[in-house]
Amino acid sequence: MSYELYKVIHLVGLSLVVLSLGGILLYTLNGGVKASNSFRKGAMITHGVGLLLLLVAGFGMLARLGIHSFPGWIVGKLVIWAFLGACVGLAYKKQLAKKLWVAVPVLVGVAAVLAIYK
């Protein structure tokens, strides 16, 4: 696959992760609880598929760029990826949901800066 196609897949994965986290966070901030979320399974599937697409496409882009080591910017993006993966479990805690509402877009921005400026 081409670098450009990997980039599109990467961005689709990112949008799925942010979509699912945003939905869960909004649900929680409006007083919803995990047990009564009728779309919980759908949100979790969307989140998981998004994370998988991010990871596979990210490593595909690295292969296309000929990068076979883990410089600091890649490690930083992997740490952000792992945190975004954990956020789905933290999103149902109301006190954390407000903080995550701000933290998630900030982390996405940091990941973009790491990728662009390497």
Protein backbone atom coordinates (compact mmCIF):
# COMPACT_ATOMS: atom_id res chain seq x y z
CA MET A 1 0.00 0.00 0.00
CA SER A 2 1.08 3.56 -0.57
CA TYR A 3 2.11 5.99 2.15
CA GLU A 4 -0.90 8.14 1.33
CA LEU A 5 -3.33 5.25 1.79
CA TYR A 6 -1.75 4.43 5.16
CA LYS A 7 -2.18 8.07 6.12
CA VAL A 8 -5.90 8.00 5.22
CA ILE A 9 -6.39 4.79 7.21
CA HIS A 10 -4.52 6.36 10.13
CA LEU A 11 -6.80 9.41 10.06
CA VAL A 12 -9.93 7.25 9.85
CA GLY A 13 -8.69 5.31 12.89
CA LEU A 14 -8.09 8.55 14.74
CA SER A 15 -11.58 9.80 13.93
CA LEU A 16 -13.12 6.55 15.22
CA VAL A 17 -11.20 6.77 18.49
CA VAL A 18 -12.13 10.43 19.04
CA LEU A 19 -15.75 9.78 18.01
CA SER A 20 -16.17 6.94 20.49
CA LEU A 21 -14.42 8.75 23.34
CA GLY A 22 -16.38 11.93 22.67
CA GLY A 23 -19.66 10.02 22.72
CA ILE A 24 -18.87 8.23 25.96
CA LEU A 25 -17.58 11.40 27.60
CA LEU A 26 -20.66 13.37 26.60
CA TYR A 27 -22.90 10.56 27.84
CA THR A 28 -21.08 10.53 31.19
CA LEU A 29 -21.06 14.32 31.54
CA ASN A 30 -24.83 14.31 31.03
CA GLY A 31 -25.31 11.93 33.95
CA GLY A 32 -25.18 8.56 32.18
CA VAL A 33 -23.64 5.53 33.82
CA LYS A 34 -21.81 2.62 32.25
CA ALA A 35 -24.50 0.04 33.05
CA SER A 36 -27.29 1.97 31.34
CA ASN A 37 -25.43 2.93 28.15
CA SER A 38 -27.41 1.14 25.46
CA PHE A 39 -24.69 1.79 22.86
CA ARG A 40 -21.78 0.77 25.08
CA LYS A 41 -20.88 -2.24 22.93
CA GLY A 42 -20.97 -0.18 19.74
CA ALA A 43 -18.79 2.52 21.25
CA MET A 44 -16.28 -0.06 22.48
CA ILE A 45 -16.13 -1.73 19.05
CA THR A 46 -15.66 1.65 17.36
CA HIS A 47 -12.90 2.51 19.82
CA GLY A 48 -11.12 -0.81 19.35
CA VAL A 49 -11.30 -0.75 15.56
CA GLY A 50 -10.02 2.83 15.60
CA LEU A 51 -7.06 1.89 17.79
CA LEU A 52 -6.25 -1.08 15.55
CA LEU A 53 -6.37 1.08 12.41
CA LEU A 54 -4.15 3.70 14.07
CA LEU A 55 -1.56 1.10 15.03
CA VAL A 56 -1.48 -0.85 11.76
CA ALA A 57 -1.47 2.24 9.55
CA GLY A 58 1.10 3.95 11.75
CA PHE A 59 3.51 1.06 11.43
CA GLY A 60 2.73 0.84 7.71
CA MET A 61 3.74 4.48 7.30
CA LEU A 62 6.93 3.85 9.26
CA ALA A 63 7.79 0.96 6.93
CA ARG A 64 7.14 3.18 3.88
CA LEU A 65 9.42 5.85 5.38
CA GLY A 66 12.13 3.23 6.00
CA ILE A 67 12.15 3.79 9.76
CA HIS A 68 13.00 0.55 11.56
CA SER A 69 13.90 1.90 15.01
CA PHE A 70 11.96 3.74 17.69
CA PRO A 71 13.08 7.37 17.91
CA GLY A 72 11.55 9.52 20.64
CA TRP A 73 8.67 10.85 18.54
CA ILE A 74 7.46 7.31 17.82
CA VAL A 75 7.68 6.36 21.49
CA GLY A 76 5.70 9.51 22.35
CA LYS A 77 2.98 8.61 19.85
CA LEU A 78 2.81 5.04 21.20
CA VAL A 79 2.41 6.37 24.75
CA ILE A 80 -0.40 8.66 23.57
CA TRP A 81 -1.99 5.70 21.71
CA ALA A 82 -1.87 3.58 24.89
CA PHE A 83 -3.38 6.40 26.95
CA LEU A 84 -6.19 6.92 24.43
CA GLY A 85 -6.83 3.17 24.68
CA ALA A 86 -7.12 3.41 28.46
CA CYS A 87 -9.36 6.47 28.27
CA VAL A 88 -12.35 4.36 27.29
CA GLY A 89 -12.33 2.82 30.77
CA LEU A 90 -11.77 6.15 32.49
CA ALA A 91 -14.46 7.99 30.53
CA TYR A 92 -17.30 6.68 32.71
CA LYS A 93 -15.89 8.36 35.84
CA LYS A 94 -17.57 11.76 35.99
CA GLN A 95 -14.68 13.58 37.68
CA LEU A 96 -12.26 12.33 35.05
CA ALA A 97 -14.66 12.86 32.14
CA LYS A 98 -14.36 16.66 32.43
CA LYS A 99 -10.58 16.44 32.38
CA LEU A 100 -10.56 13.97 29.50
CA TRP A 101 -12.86 16.28 27.51
CA VAL A 102 -9.89 18.67 27.39
CA ALA A 103 -7.04 16.13 27.48
CA VAL A 104 -8.10 14.04 24.48
CA PRO A 105 -7.92 16.86 21.89
CA VAL A 106 -4.71 18.15 23.46
CA LEU A 107 -3.13 14.71 23.16
CA VAL A 108 -4.28 14.40 19.55
CA GLY A 109 -2.63 17.76 18.89
CA VAL A 110 0.59 16.65 20.59
CA ALA A 111 0.59 13.45 18.51
CA ALA A 112 0.15 15.55 15.35
CA VAL A 113 3.04 17.81 16.33
CA LEU A 114 5.25 14.77 17.00
CA ALA A 115 4.43 13.31 13.60
CA ILE A 116 4.79 16.53 11.63
CA TYR A 117 7.99 17.81 13.23
CA LYS A 118 9.55 14.39 14.00
